[in-house]
Amino acid sequence: MGKPNDLVQGTLSLLILKTLSLEPKHGWAIAKRIQQISNEVLQVQQGSLYPALQRLEQQGWIRSKWAETETGRQARFYSLTTAGRAQLEKEREIWSRLSAAIDLVVES
C-alpha cells in the first residue's frame, strides 16, 4: 500500500475520536488500537498523536486525567466529552461524503 500516513494526517481527529468513543485510553493505547483495527496499515506517530490530542482537548472534544495504567505507571488518559461525541458524528458524515466522492473518481 502507498503512504498510509498521509491519510492519517487528514483524518487523525476522526480516528482518535472514534477510538475514544469506546472507552478512555492513554496515548500509546490510542495509537496501538488504531494500528490493530486497521490491520497494521495505519501507524500514528507520537509526533502527530500528542499535538492532535492537545488540539482536541483545547477544542473541548476530549478531556484528560492522570491515572495508573495496567502496568502500574502513571499516564494521561483521554475520554470523549459530550461535545466530542457530537463532533465525532460530524466527522463521520464528512468522511462518508469524502470517501464516497473518492470512490466515484477511482471507480470511474
C-alpha atoms as a PDB file:
ATOM      1  CA  MET A   1       0.000   0.000   0.000  1.00  0.00           C
ATOM      2  CA  GLY A   2       1.142   3.569  -0.705  1.00  0.00           C
ATOM      3  CA  LYS A   3       1.706   6.087   2.048  1.00  0.00           C
ATOM      4  CA  PRO A   4      -0.982   5.462   4.680  1.00  0.00           C
ATOM      5  CA  ASN A   5       0.439   8.156   6.966  1.00  0.00           C
ATOM      6  CA  ASP A   6      -0.788  10.800   4.501  1.00  0.00           C
ATOM      7  CA  LEU A   7      -4.311   9.533   5.106  1.00  0.00           C
ATOM      8  CA  VAL A   8      -3.845   9.577   8.868  1.00  0.00           C
ATOM      9  CA  GLN A   9      -2.813  13.234   8.858  1.00  0.00           C
ATOM     10  CA  GLY A  10      -6.056  14.210   7.162  1.00  0.00           C
ATOM     11  CA  THR A  11      -8.278  12.017   9.345  1.00  0.00           C
ATOM     12  CA  LEU A  12      -6.437  11.818  12.645  1.00  0.00           C
ATOM     13  CA  SER A  13      -9.137  13.633  14.628  1.00  0.00           C
ATOM     14  CA  LEU A  14     -11.768  11.203  13.382  1.00  0.00           C
ATOM     15  CA  LEU A  15      -9.607   8.190  14.234  1.00  0.00           C
ATOM     16  CA  ILE A  16      -8.878   9.471  17.749  1.00  0.00           C
ATOM     17  CA  LEU A  17     -12.483  10.435  18.472  1.00  0.00           C
ATOM     18  CA  LYS A  18     -13.733   7.058  17.245  1.00  0.00           C
ATOM     19  CA  THR A  19     -11.163   5.199  19.332  1.00  0.00           C
ATOM     20  CA  LEU A  20     -12.109   7.153  22.450  1.00  0.00           C
ATOM     21  CA  SER A  21     -15.829   6.626  21.844  1.00  0.00           C
ATOM     22  CA  LEU A  22     -15.372   3.055  23.045  1.00  0.00           C
ATOM     23  CA  GLU A  23     -13.518   3.773  26.307  1.00  0.00           C
ATOM     24  CA  PRO A  24     -10.904   6.132  27.809  1.00  0.00           C
ATOM     25  CA  LYS A  25      -7.338   5.354  26.736  1.00  0.00           C
ATOM     26  CA  HIS A  26      -3.847   6.740  27.163  1.00  0.00           C
ATOM     27  CA  GLY A  27      -1.878   7.952  24.163  1.00  0.00           C
ATOM     28  CA  TRP A  28       0.103   4.800  23.452  1.00  0.00           C
ATOM     29  CA  ALA A  29      -3.081   2.693  23.697  1.00  0.00           C
ATOM     30  CA  ILE A  30      -4.872   5.011  21.248  1.00  0.00           C
ATOM     31  CA  ALA A  31      -2.096   4.602  18.685  1.00  0.00           C
ATOM     32  CA  LYS A  32      -1.950   0.840  19.243  1.00  0.00           C
ATOM     33  CA  ARG A  33      -5.729   0.449  18.868  1.00  0.00           C
ATOM     34  CA  ILE A  34      -5.751   2.365  15.566  1.00  0.00           C
ATOM     35  CA  GLN A  35      -2.902   0.179  14.327  1.00  0.00           C
ATOM     36  CA  GLN A  36      -4.650  -3.044  15.396  1.00  0.00           C
ATOM     37  CA  ILE A  37      -8.071  -2.153  13.973  1.00  0.00           C
ATOM     38  CA  SER A  38      -6.516  -1.105  10.644  1.00  0.00           C
ATOM     39  CA  ASN A  39      -4.706  -4.464  10.342  1.00  0.00           C
ATOM     40  CA  GLU A  40      -1.352  -2.734  10.884  1.00  0.00           C
ATOM     41  CA  VAL A  41      -1.853  -0.356   7.914  1.00  0.00           C
ATOM     42  CA  LEU A  42      -2.248   2.871   9.909  1.00  0.00           C
ATOM     43  CA  GLN A  43       0.518   3.800  12.308  1.00  0.00           C
ATOM     44  CA  VAL A  44       0.127   7.024  14.257  1.00  0.00           C
ATOM     45  CA  GLN A  45       3.459   8.509  15.259  1.00  0.00           C
ATOM     46  CA  GLN A  46       3.873  10.235  18.630  1.00  0.00           C
ATOM     47  CA  GLY A  47       4.863  13.437  16.855  1.00  0.00           C
ATOM     48  CA  SER A  48       1.387  13.537  15.281  1.00  0.00           C
ATOM     49  CA  LEU A  49      -0.650  11.952  18.061  1.00  0.00           C
ATOM     50  CA  TYR A  50       0.182  14.163  21.040  1.00  0.00           C
ATOM     51  CA  PRO A  51      -0.278  17.515  19.272  1.00  0.00           C
ATOM     52  CA  ALA A  52      -3.623  16.202  17.961  1.00  0.00           C
ATOM     53  CA  LEU A  53      -4.665  15.163  21.471  1.00  0.00           C
ATOM     54  CA  GLN A  54      -3.749  18.631  22.782  1.00  0.00           C
ATOM     55  CA  ARG A  55      -5.735  20.272  19.978  1.00  0.00           C
ATOM     56  CA  LEU A  56      -8.792  18.081  20.609  1.00  0.00           C
ATOM     57  CA  GLU A  57      -8.615  18.851  24.333  1.00  0.00           C
ATOM     58  CA  GLN A  58      -8.349  22.599  23.673  1.00  0.00           C
ATOM     59  CA  GLN A  59     -11.433  22.343  21.444  1.00  0.00           C
ATOM     60  CA  GLY A  60     -13.325  20.671  24.294  1.00  0.00           C
ATOM     61  CA  TRP A  61     -13.889  17.413  22.426  1.00  0.00           C
ATOM     62  CA  ILE A  62     -11.823  15.294  24.813  1.00  0.00           C
ATOM     63  CA  ARG A  63     -10.694  15.601  28.421  1.00  0.00           C
ATOM     64  CA  SER A  64      -7.768  14.046  30.206  1.00  0.00           C
ATOM     65  CA  LYS A  65      -6.823  12.915  33.669  1.00  0.00           C
ATOM     66  CA  TRP A  66      -3.851  11.156  35.163  1.00  0.00           C
ATOM     67  CA  ALA A  67      -4.380   7.535  36.182  1.00  0.00           C
ATOM     68  CA  GLU A  68      -2.463   4.315  36.570  1.00  0.00           C
ATOM     69  CA  THR A  69      -2.038   2.028  33.555  1.00  0.00           C
ATOM     70  CA  GLU A  70      -2.371  -1.736  33.622  1.00  0.00           C
ATOM     71  CA  THR A  71       1.417  -1.905  34.058  1.00  0.00           C
ATOM     72  CA  GLY A  72       1.328   0.355  37.122  1.00  0.00           C
ATOM     73  CA  ARG A  73       2.783   3.522  35.647  1.00  0.00           C
ATOM     74  CA  GLN A  74       1.084   6.915  35.574  1.00  0.00           C
ATOM     75  CA  ALA A  75      -0.282   8.102  32.236  1.00  0.00           C
ATOM     76  CA  ARG A  76      -2.730  10.673  30.961  1.00  0.00           C
ATOM     77  CA  PHE A  77      -5.994   9.002  29.978  1.00  0.00           C
ATOM     78  CA  TYR A  78      -8.224  10.694  27.412  1.00  0.00           C
ATOM     79  CA  SER A  79     -12.000  10.410  27.167  1.00  0.00           C
ATOM     80  CA  LEU A  80     -14.673  11.853  24.917  1.00  0.00           C
ATOM     81  CA  THR A  81     -16.833  14.767  26.069  1.00  0.00           C
ATOM     82  CA  THR A  82     -20.437  15.333  25.036  1.00  0.00           C
ATOM     83  CA  ALA A  83     -19.193  17.894  22.513  1.00  0.00           C
ATOM     84  CA  GLY A  84     -16.689  15.296  21.299  1.00  0.00           C
ATOM     85  CA  ARG A  85     -19.450  12.779  20.630  1.00  0.00           C
ATOM     86  CA  ALA A  86     -21.293  15.381  18.553  1.00  0.00           C
ATOM     87  CA  GLN A  87     -18.081  16.214  16.687  1.00  0.00           C
ATOM     88  CA  LEU A  88     -17.461  12.521  16.023  1.00  0.00           C
ATOM     89  CA  GLU A  89     -20.799  12.333  14.215  1.00  0.00           C
ATOM     90  CA  LYS A  90     -19.921  15.419  12.145  1.00  0.00           C
ATOM     91  CA  GLU A  91     -16.509  13.969  11.294  1.00  0.00           C
ATOM     92  CA  ARG A  92     -18.112  10.652  10.280  1.00  0.00           C
ATOM     93  CA  GLU A  93     -20.530  12.443   7.943  1.00  0.00           C
ATOM     94  CA  ILE A  94     -17.673  14.403   6.357  1.00  0.00           C
ATOM     95  CA  TRP A  95     -15.656  11.194   5.959  1.00  0.00           C
ATOM     96  CA  SER A  96     -18.607   9.379   4.365  1.00  0.00           C
ATOM     97  CA  ARG A  97     -19.104  12.154   1.795  1.00  0.00           C
ATOM     98  CA  LEU A  98     -15.387  12.410   1.057  1.00  0.00           C
ATOM     99  CA  SER A  99     -14.802   8.668   0.727  1.00  0.00           C
ATOM    100  CA  ALA A 100     -17.881   8.271  -1.482  1.00  0.00           C
ATOM    101  CA  ALA A 101     -16.629  11.049  -3.755  1.00  0.00           C
ATOM    102  CA  ILE A 102     -13.172   9.472  -3.945  1.00  0.00           C
ATOM    103  CA  ASP A 103     -14.756   6.104  -4.765  1.00  0.00           C
ATOM    104  CA  LEU A 104     -16.682   7.711  -7.621  1.00  0.00           C
ATOM    105  CA  VAL A 105     -13.482   9.109  -9.107  1.00  0.00           C
ATOM    106  CA  VAL A 106     -11.401   5.976  -8.577  1.00  0.00           C
ATOM    107  CA  GLU A 107     -14.060   3.573  -9.874  1.00  0.00           C
ATOM    108  CA  SER A 108     -14.979   5.593 -12.994  1.00  0.00           C
END
